[in-house]
């Protein structure tokens, strides 16, 4: 469920590599308020959610996409449960490749506002603990990117 009052939408990129085997966390995605509303009203998808994590298989071949080159194999983790507020992102999901995935993170609204004003910033706006592939990553930090 989302109770965020602000628009938190964008891509949250790890400040340092988070790697599990050949998979590297590429980003956390948070959608726009209407995407949360649609999902929470029961209009769900097998390939998209208003909060999801994407891991790329860095051993897979690169392919050309409309946004440039990308790895051809990804593991997109959709939620089984989530809580998103103006200061918290909690997520649980499951991936065939990575098993149980969870995130418990604190969102810094002031840092996010600064990053949004600057159209992206190197400063961390989200930090917390990620569990994936049977491993725990403490004190992970993410910066915000608005996308193309």
C-alpha atoms as a PDB file:
ATOM      1  CA  UNK A   1       0.000   0.000   0.000  1.00  0.00           C
ATOM      2  CA  UNK A   2       1.119   3.527  -0.679  1.00  0.00           C
ATOM      3  CA  UNK A   3       0.252   6.449   1.533  1.00  0.00           C
ATOM      4  CA  UNK A   4       2.832   8.830   0.100  1.00  0.00           C
ATOM      5  CA  UNK A   5       1.586  12.386  -0.213  1.00  0.00           C
ATOM      6  CA  UNK A   6       4.431  13.405  -2.527  1.00  0.00           C
ATOM      7  CA  UNK A   7       5.259  12.127  -6.007  1.00  0.00           C
ATOM      8  CA  UNK A   8       8.205   9.810  -5.364  1.00  0.00           C
ATOM      9  CA  UNK A   9       8.320   8.459  -8.911  1.00  0.00           C
ATOM     10  CA  UNK A  10      11.596   7.675 -10.568  1.00  0.00           C
ATOM     11  CA  UNK A  11      14.472   5.255 -10.637  1.00  0.00           C
ATOM     12  CA  UNK A  12      16.552   4.753  -7.527  1.00  0.00           C
ATOM     13  CA  UNK A  13      20.043   3.705  -8.597  1.00  0.00           C
ATOM     14  CA  UNK A  14      22.427   1.944  -6.216  1.00  0.00           C
ATOM     15  CA  UNK A  15      25.357   4.143  -5.170  1.00  0.00           C
ATOM     16  CA  UNK A  16      27.599   1.052  -5.266  1.00  0.00           C
ATOM     17  CA  UNK A  17      27.324  -2.331  -6.938  1.00  0.00           C
ATOM     18  CA  UNK A  18      25.016  -4.899  -5.385  1.00  0.00           C
ATOM     19  CA  UNK A  19      25.909  -8.208  -6.995  1.00  0.00           C
ATOM     20  CA  UNK A  20      24.491 -11.691  -6.423  1.00  0.00           C
ATOM     21  CA  UNK A  21      26.185 -14.252  -8.649  1.00  0.00           C
ATOM     22  CA  UNK A  22      25.892 -12.865 -12.168  1.00  0.00           C
ATOM     23  CA  UNK A  23      23.001 -10.533 -11.237  1.00  0.00           C
ATOM     24  CA  UNK A  24      23.558  -6.871 -10.398  1.00  0.00           C
ATOM     25  CA  UNK A  25      20.830  -4.618  -9.040  1.00  0.00           C
ATOM     26  CA  UNK A  26      20.161  -2.046 -11.746  1.00  0.00           C
ATOM     27  CA  UNK A  27      17.451   0.001 -10.036  1.00  0.00           C
ATOM     28  CA  UNK A  28      14.422   0.277  -7.827  1.00  0.00           C
ATOM     29  CA  UNK A  29      11.439   1.778  -9.601  1.00  0.00           C
ATOM     30  CA  UNK A  30       8.711   3.810  -7.906  1.00  0.00           C
ATOM     31  CA  UNK A  31       5.741   4.780 -10.042  1.00  0.00           C
ATOM     32  CA  UNK A  32       3.496   7.798 -10.080  1.00  0.00           C
ATOM     33  CA  UNK A  33       0.573   8.057  -7.645  1.00  0.00           C
ATOM     34  CA  UNK A  34      -1.983   6.932 -10.258  1.00  0.00           C
ATOM     35  CA  UNK A  35       0.052   3.748 -10.870  1.00  0.00           C
ATOM     36  CA  UNK A  36      -0.144   2.882  -7.169  1.00  0.00           C
ATOM     37  CA  UNK A  37      -3.887   3.590  -7.183  1.00  0.00           C
ATOM     38  CA  UNK A  38      -4.456   1.388 -10.233  1.00  0.00           C
ATOM     39  CA  UNK A  39      -2.428  -1.488  -8.744  1.00  0.00           C
ATOM     40  CA  UNK A  40      -4.129  -1.202  -5.368  1.00  0.00           C
ATOM     41  CA  UNK A  41      -7.557  -1.260  -7.053  1.00  0.00           C
ATOM     42  CA  UNK A  42      -6.650  -4.709  -8.411  1.00  0.00           C
ATOM     43  CA  UNK A  43      -5.436  -3.896 -11.913  1.00  0.00           C
ATOM     44  CA  UNK A  44      -2.145  -5.772 -11.675  1.00  0.00           C
ATOM     45  CA  UNK A  45       0.319  -6.995 -14.276  1.00  0.00           C
ATOM     46  CA  UNK A  46       2.824  -9.835 -14.530  1.00  0.00           C
ATOM     47  CA  UNK A  47       5.525  -7.466 -15.864  1.00  0.00           C
ATOM     48  CA  UNK A  48       4.973  -4.092 -14.178  1.00  0.00           C
ATOM     49  CA  UNK A  49       4.233  -2.801 -10.688  1.00  0.00           C
ATOM     50  CA  UNK A  50       4.351   0.657  -9.136  1.00  0.00           C
ATOM     51  CA  UNK A  51       7.261  -0.528  -7.006  1.00  0.00           C
ATOM     52  CA  UNK A  52       9.705  -3.113  -8.327  1.00  0.00           C
ATOM     53  CA  UNK A  53      13.384  -4.003  -8.452  1.00  0.00           C
ATOM     54  CA  UNK A  54      15.336  -4.923 -11.567  1.00  0.00           C
ATOM     55  CA  UNK A  55      18.471  -7.033 -11.567  1.00  0.00           C
ATOM     56  CA  UNK A  56      20.527  -7.478 -14.744  1.00  0.00           C
ATOM     57  CA  UNK A  57      22.432 -10.644 -15.592  1.00  0.00           C
ATOM     58  CA  UNK A  58      25.790  -9.052 -16.350  1.00  0.00           C
ATOM     59  CA  UNK A  59      26.972 -12.256 -18.043  1.00  0.00           C
ATOM     60  CA  UNK A  60      24.213 -12.001 -20.671  1.00  0.00           C
ATOM     61  CA  UNK A  61      24.854 -10.461 -24.102  1.00  0.00           C
ATOM     62  CA  UNK A  62      24.173  -6.787 -24.661  1.00  0.00           C
ATOM     63  CA  UNK A  63      21.317  -5.855 -26.988  1.00  0.00           C
ATOM     64  CA  UNK A  64      20.291  -2.565 -28.583  1.00  0.00           C
ATOM     65  CA  UNK A  65      17.181  -0.952 -27.092  1.00  0.00           C
ATOM     66  CA  UNK A  66      15.431   2.355 -27.675  1.00  0.00           C
ATOM     67  CA  UNK A  67      17.401   3.733 -24.695  1.00  0.00           C
ATOM     68  CA  UNK A  68      20.788   2.350 -25.751  1.00  0.00           C
ATOM     69  CA  UNK A  69      22.462  -0.951 -24.965  1.00  0.00           C
ATOM     70  CA  UNK A  70      21.236  -3.183 -22.164  1.00  0.00           C
ATOM     71  CA  UNK A  71      21.795  -6.709 -20.919  1.00  0.00           C
ATOM     72  CA  UNK A  72      19.499  -9.201 -22.605  1.00  0.00           C
ATOM     73  CA  UNK A  73      18.588 -11.083 -19.414  1.00  0.00           C
ATOM     74  CA  UNK A  74      16.982  -9.341 -16.450  1.00  0.00           C
ATOM     75  CA  UNK A  75      15.130 -10.389 -13.338  1.00  0.00           C
ATOM     76  CA  UNK A  76      12.344  -7.939 -12.577  1.00  0.00           C
ATOM     77  CA  UNK A  77      11.005  -8.483  -9.055  1.00  0.00           C
ATOM     78  CA  UNK A  78       7.401  -7.452  -8.506  1.00  0.00           C
ATOM     79  CA  UNK A  79       5.947  -7.097  -5.018  1.00  0.00           C
ATOM     80  CA  UNK A  80       4.004  -9.581  -2.985  1.00  0.00           C
ATOM     81  CA  UNK A  81       3.647  -6.751  -0.454  1.00  0.00           C
ATOM     82  CA  UNK A  82       4.862  -3.182  -0.058  1.00  0.00           C
ATOM     83  CA  UNK A  83       4.506  -0.057   2.035  1.00  0.00           C
ATOM     84  CA  UNK A  84       5.557   3.254   0.515  1.00  0.00           C
ATOM     85  CA  UNK A  85       5.273   6.478   2.492  1.00  0.00           C
ATOM     86  CA  UNK A  86       6.966   9.860   2.199  1.00  0.00           C
ATOM     87  CA  UNK A  87       9.797   8.506   4.368  1.00  0.00           C
ATOM     88  CA  UNK A  88       9.756   4.702   3.996  1.00  0.00           C
ATOM     89  CA  UNK A  89       9.989   2.081   1.271  1.00  0.00           C
ATOM     90  CA  UNK A  90       9.330  -1.503   2.378  1.00  0.00           C
ATOM     91  CA  UNK A  91       9.108  -4.218  -0.245  1.00  0.00           C
ATOM     92  CA  UNK A  92       8.877  -7.994  -0.388  1.00  0.00           C
ATOM     93  CA  UNK A  93       8.817 -10.039  -3.548  1.00  0.00           C
ATOM     94  CA  UNK A  94      10.062 -13.243  -5.085  1.00  0.00           C
ATOM     95  CA  UNK A  95      12.237 -13.938  -8.086  1.00  0.00           C
ATOM     96  CA  UNK A  96      12.752 -17.233  -9.832  1.00  0.00           C
ATOM     97  CA  UNK A  97      16.437 -16.337 -10.175  1.00  0.00           C
ATOM     98  CA  UNK A  98      17.057 -14.664  -6.792  1.00  0.00           C
ATOM     99  CA  UNK A  99      14.497 -16.192  -4.437  1.00  0.00           C
ATOM    100  CA  UNK A 100      12.998 -14.006  -1.722  1.00  0.00           C
ATOM    101  CA  UNK A 101      13.791 -10.317  -2.132  1.00  0.00           C
ATOM    102  CA  UNK A 102      13.104  -7.646   0.471  1.00  0.00           C
ATOM    103  CA  UNK A 103      13.971  -4.020   1.010  1.00  0.00           C
ATOM    104  CA  UNK A 104      13.556  -1.975   4.156  1.00  0.00           C
ATOM    105  CA  UNK A 105      14.689   1.574   3.441  1.00  0.00           C
ATOM    106  CA  UNK A 106      14.359   5.122   4.692  1.00  0.00           C
ATOM    107  CA  UNK A 107      13.635   7.866   2.191  1.00  0.00           C
ATOM    108  CA  UNK A 108      15.098  11.314   2.835  1.00  0.00           C
ATOM    109  CA  UNK A 109      12.412  13.733   1.539  1.00  0.00           C
ATOM    110  CA  UNK A 110      14.752  16.751   1.604  1.00  0.00           C
ATOM    111  CA  UNK A 111      17.476  14.961  -0.369  1.00  0.00           C
ATOM    112  CA  UNK A 112      14.853  13.708  -2.841  1.00  0.00           C
ATOM    113  CA  UNK A 113      13.480  17.221  -3.326  1.00  0.00           C
ATOM    114  CA  UNK A 114      17.010  18.482  -4.018  1.00  0.00           C
ATOM    115  CA  UNK A 115      17.700  15.658  -6.478  1.00  0.00           C
ATOM    116  CA  UNK A 116      14.423  16.326  -8.301  1.00  0.00           C
ATOM    117  CA  UNK A 117      15.171  20.067  -8.542  1.00  0.00           C
ATOM    118  CA  UNK A 118      18.624  19.256  -9.956  1.00  0.00           C
ATOM    119  CA  UNK A 119      17.216  16.584 -12.330  1.00  0.00           C
ATOM    120  CA  UNK A 120      19.302  13.974 -10.585  1.00  0.00           C
ATOM    121  CA  UNK A 121      22.051  14.229  -8.057  1.00  0.00           C
ATOM    122  CA  UNK A 122      24.865  12.044  -6.796  1.00  0.00           C
ATOM    123  CA  UNK A 123      23.613  12.287  -3.222  1.00  0.00           C
ATOM    124  CA  UNK A 124      21.800   9.381  -1.604  1.00  0.00           C
ATOM    125  CA  UNK A 125      18.045   9.804  -1.147  1.00  0.00           C
ATOM    126  CA  UNK A 126      17.173   6.251  -0.058  1.00  0.00           C
ATOM    127  CA  UNK A 127      19.122   3.987   2.307  1.00  0.00           C
ATOM    128  CA  UNK A 128      18.493   0.732   4.099  1.00  0.00           C
ATOM    129  CA  UNK A 129      18.818  -3.040   3.972  1.00  0.00           C
ATOM    130  CA  UNK A 130      18.314  -5.271   0.930  1.00  0.00           C
ATOM    131  CA  UNK A 131      17.998  -9.044   1.127  1.00  0.00           C
ATOM    132  CA  UNK A 132      18.249 -11.022  -2.116  1.00  0.00           C
ATOM    133  CA  UNK A 133      19.711 -14.321  -3.218  1.00  0.00           C
ATOM    134  CA  UNK A 134      20.084 -15.377   0.406  1.00  0.00           C
ATOM    135  CA  UNK A 135      22.414 -12.446   1.111  1.00  0.00           C
ATOM    136  CA  UNK A 136      21.907  -9.360   3.252  1.00  0.00           C
ATOM    137  CA  UNK A 137      23.238  -6.003   2.108  1.00  0.00           C
ATOM    138  CA  UNK A 138      23.217  -3.480   4.949  1.00  0.00           C
ATOM    139  CA  UNK A 139      23.487   0.278   4.560  1.00  0.00           C
ATOM    140  CA  UNK A 140      22.770   0.271   0.820  1.00  0.00           C
ATOM    141  CA  UNK A 141      22.292   3.735  -0.612  1.00  0.00           C
ATOM    142  CA  UNK A 142      20.432   4.885  -3.706  1.00  0.00           C
ATOM    143  CA  UNK A 143      20.394   8.093  -5.681  1.00  0.00           C
ATOM    144  CA  UNK A 144      17.398   9.313  -7.673  1.00  0.00           C
ATOM    145  CA  UNK A 145      17.094   9.484 -11.456  1.00  0.00           C
ATOM    146  CA  UNK A 146      13.958  10.744 -13.184  1.00  0.00           C
ATOM    147  CA  UNK A 147      14.340   8.679 -16.338  1.00  0.00           C
ATOM    148  CA  UNK A 148      14.173   9.814 -19.923  1.00  0.00           C
END
